[in-house]
Amino acid sequence: VILDGQAYHKVLVSFDTEGGGEDYQDRFVYYFHSETFLIDFLSYEYATNGGGQRFRVCTRRHRVGALVLQDYDNYRPGARRLHAFGKHGQCLPRGWA
């Protein structure tokens, strides 16, 4: 998929009812940059406490030795700054585009 003019590999992670734990209904989508393979964006849906959706954007990346640490801004549906991503509907969770 294309997001912010860059190509990403979109990976969906979901769980089976059996063996999937208490939160087996949760779904996660990770967006790996096609050249760096770093996760610049992620989104998820959860069912706990009535459920919800979030979209995260990497805002800072730093290294500690060989470890890459990333900070993210967290958005929920209706967040004003999130509307910039609306043109990339295939990247957002259901109901966001």
C-alpha atoms as a PDB file:
ATOM      1  CA  VAL A   1       0.000   0.000   0.000  1.00  0.00           C
ATOM      2  CA  ILE A   2       1.038   3.625  -0.440  1.00  0.00           C
ATOM      3  CA  LEU A   3       0.963   5.848   2.636  1.00  0.00           C
ATOM      4  CA  ASP A   4       2.408   9.365   2.755  1.00  0.00           C
ATOM      5  CA  GLY A   5       3.834   8.755  -0.725  1.00  0.00           C
ATOM      6  CA  GLN A   6       5.858   5.726   0.407  1.00  0.00           C
ATOM      7  CA  ALA A   7       5.345   2.009  -0.275  1.00  0.00           C
ATOM      8  CA  TYR A   8       4.555  -0.255   2.685  1.00  0.00           C
ATOM      9  CA  HIS A   9       3.996  -3.932   3.305  1.00  0.00           C
ATOM     10  CA  LYS A  10       0.712  -4.284   5.214  1.00  0.00           C
ATOM     11  CA  VAL A  11       0.629  -7.192   7.695  1.00  0.00           C
ATOM     12  CA  LEU A  12      -2.586  -8.153   9.512  1.00  0.00           C
ATOM     13  CA  VAL A  13      -2.301  -9.999  12.832  1.00  0.00           C
ATOM     14  CA  SER A  14      -5.429 -11.662  14.225  1.00  0.00           C
ATOM     15  CA  PHE A  15      -6.151 -14.522  16.604  1.00  0.00           C
ATOM     16  CA  ASP A  16      -8.241 -17.684  16.621  1.00  0.00           C
ATOM     17  CA  THR A  17     -11.077 -17.955  19.116  1.00  0.00           C
ATOM     18  CA  GLU A  18      -9.560 -21.138  20.484  1.00  0.00           C
ATOM     19  CA  GLY A  19      -6.187 -20.475  22.079  1.00  0.00           C
ATOM     20  CA  GLY A  20      -6.317 -16.771  21.185  1.00  0.00           C
ATOM     21  CA  GLY A  21      -6.645 -15.653  24.777  1.00  0.00           C
ATOM     22  CA  GLU A  22      -9.065 -13.255  26.393  1.00  0.00           C
ATOM     23  CA  ASP A  23      -8.682 -10.619  23.674  1.00  0.00           C
ATOM     24  CA  TYR A  24      -8.826 -12.951  20.658  1.00  0.00           C
ATOM     25  CA  GLN A  25     -11.081 -10.469  18.790  1.00  0.00           C
ATOM     26  CA  ASP A  26      -8.385  -7.781  18.661  1.00  0.00           C
ATOM     27  CA  ARG A  27      -6.819  -7.134  15.246  1.00  0.00           C
ATOM     28  CA  PHE A  28      -3.531  -5.396  14.516  1.00  0.00           C
ATOM     29  CA  VAL A  29      -2.153  -4.044  11.230  1.00  0.00           C
ATOM     30  CA  TYR A  30       1.549  -3.208  10.904  1.00  0.00           C
ATOM     31  CA  TYR A  31       2.925  -1.125   8.034  1.00  0.00           C
ATOM     32  CA  PHE A  32       6.544  -2.063   7.242  1.00  0.00           C
ATOM     33  CA  HIS A  33       8.373   0.400   4.989  1.00  0.00           C
ATOM     34  CA  SER A  34       9.226  -1.470   1.784  1.00  0.00           C
ATOM     35  CA  GLU A  35      12.896  -0.394   1.835  1.00  0.00           C
ATOM     36  CA  THR A  36      13.823   0.051   5.511  1.00  0.00           C
ATOM     37  CA  PHE A  37      11.406  -2.574   6.917  1.00  0.00           C
ATOM     38  CA  LEU A  38      10.781  -0.277   9.896  1.00  0.00           C
ATOM     39  CA  ILE A  39       7.238   0.080  11.263  1.00  0.00           C
ATOM     40  CA  ASP A  40       6.207   3.684  10.566  1.00  0.00           C
ATOM     41  CA  PHE A  41       2.476   3.129  11.170  1.00  0.00           C
ATOM     42  CA  LEU A  42       0.282   0.645  12.988  1.00  0.00           C
ATOM     43  CA  SER A  43      -3.426   0.354  13.583  1.00  0.00           C
ATOM     44  CA  TYR A  44      -5.563  -1.815  15.770  1.00  0.00           C
ATOM     45  CA  GLU A  45      -9.111  -2.638  16.799  1.00  0.00           C
ATOM     46  CA  TYR A  46      -9.947  -3.896  20.266  1.00  0.00           C
ATOM     47  CA  ALA A  47     -13.091  -5.215  21.960  1.00  0.00           C
ATOM     48  CA  THR A  48     -12.252  -4.551  25.647  1.00  0.00           C
ATOM     49  CA  ASN A  49     -14.483  -2.038  27.501  1.00  0.00           C
ATOM     50  CA  GLY A  50     -16.816  -1.505  24.551  1.00  0.00           C
ATOM     51  CA  GLY A  51     -14.106  -1.601  21.909  1.00  0.00           C
ATOM     52  CA  GLY A  52     -12.386   0.990  19.803  1.00  0.00           C
ATOM     53  CA  GLN A  53      -9.823   1.683  17.127  1.00  0.00           C
ATOM     54  CA  ARG A  54      -6.467   3.425  17.074  1.00  0.00           C
ATOM     55  CA  PHE A  55      -3.958   4.494  14.433  1.00  0.00           C
ATOM     56  CA  ARG A  56      -0.358   5.212  15.403  1.00  0.00           C
ATOM     57  CA  VAL A  57       2.237   7.250  13.539  1.00  0.00           C
ATOM     58  CA  CYS A  58       5.949   6.988  14.319  1.00  0.00           C
ATOM     59  CA  THR A  59       7.190  10.404  15.428  1.00  0.00           C
ATOM     60  CA  ARG A  60      10.689   9.602  16.675  1.00  0.00           C
ATOM     61  CA  ARG A  61      13.151   6.796  16.137  1.00  0.00           C
ATOM     62  CA  HIS A  62      16.298   6.305  18.197  1.00  0.00           C
ATOM     63  CA  ARG A  63      18.844   3.563  18.673  1.00  0.00           C
ATOM     64  CA  VAL A  64      20.198   2.086  21.868  1.00  0.00           C
ATOM     65  CA  GLY A  65      22.999  -0.191  20.794  1.00  0.00           C
ATOM     66  CA  ALA A  66      21.504  -2.572  18.223  1.00  0.00           C
ATOM     67  CA  LEU A  67      17.958  -1.879  19.435  1.00  0.00           C
ATOM     68  CA  VAL A  68      15.654   0.480  17.487  1.00  0.00           C
ATOM     69  CA  LEU A  69      13.139   2.273  19.729  1.00  0.00           C
ATOM     70  CA  GLN A  70      10.217   4.221  18.286  1.00  0.00           C
ATOM     71  CA  ASP A  71       7.790   6.761  19.726  1.00  0.00           C
ATOM     72  CA  TYR A  72       4.279   7.003  18.277  1.00  0.00           C
ATOM     73  CA  ASP A  73       1.434   9.500  18.274  1.00  0.00           C
ATOM     74  CA  ASN A  74      -1.821   7.658  18.940  1.00  0.00           C
ATOM     75  CA  TYR A  75      -5.027   8.681  17.103  1.00  0.00           C
ATOM     76  CA  ARG A  76      -8.637   7.562  17.412  1.00  0.00           C
ATOM     77  CA  PRO A  77     -11.420   7.930  14.816  1.00  0.00           C
ATOM     78  CA  GLY A  78     -12.400  11.563  14.359  1.00  0.00           C
ATOM     79  CA  ALA A  79      -9.008  12.973  15.402  1.00  0.00           C
ATOM     80  CA  ARG A  80      -8.439  16.089  13.307  1.00  0.00           C
ATOM     81  CA  ARG A  81      -4.832  15.314  12.298  1.00  0.00           C
ATOM     82  CA  LEU A  82      -5.844  11.800  11.281  1.00  0.00           C
ATOM     83  CA  HIS A  83      -7.984  13.138   8.414  1.00  0.00           C
ATOM     84  CA  ALA A  84      -4.792  13.631   6.387  1.00  0.00           C
ATOM     85  CA  PHE A  85      -4.611   9.842   6.124  1.00  0.00           C
ATOM     86  CA  GLY A  86      -8.199   9.521   4.861  1.00  0.00           C
ATOM     87  CA  LYS A  87      -7.104   9.397   1.219  1.00  0.00           C
ATOM     88  CA  HIS A  88      -5.313   6.149   2.066  1.00  0.00           C
ATOM     89  CA  GLY A  89      -8.477   4.316   3.085  1.00  0.00           C
ATOM     90  CA  GLN A  90      -6.998   0.893   2.390  1.00  0.00           C
ATOM     91  CA  CYS A  91      -4.491   1.541   5.192  1.00  0.00           C
ATOM     92  CA  LEU A  92      -6.960   2.496   7.892  1.00  0.00           C
ATOM     93  CA  PRO A  93      -9.074   0.165  10.010  1.00  0.00           C
ATOM     94  CA  ARG A  94     -12.648  -0.550   8.918  1.00  0.00           C
ATOM     95  CA  GLY A  95     -14.910   2.474   9.244  1.00  0.00           C
ATOM     96  CA  TRP A  96     -12.142   5.088   9.245  1.00  0.00           C
ATOM     97  CA  ALA A  97     -12.026   6.068   5.570  1.00  0.00           C
END
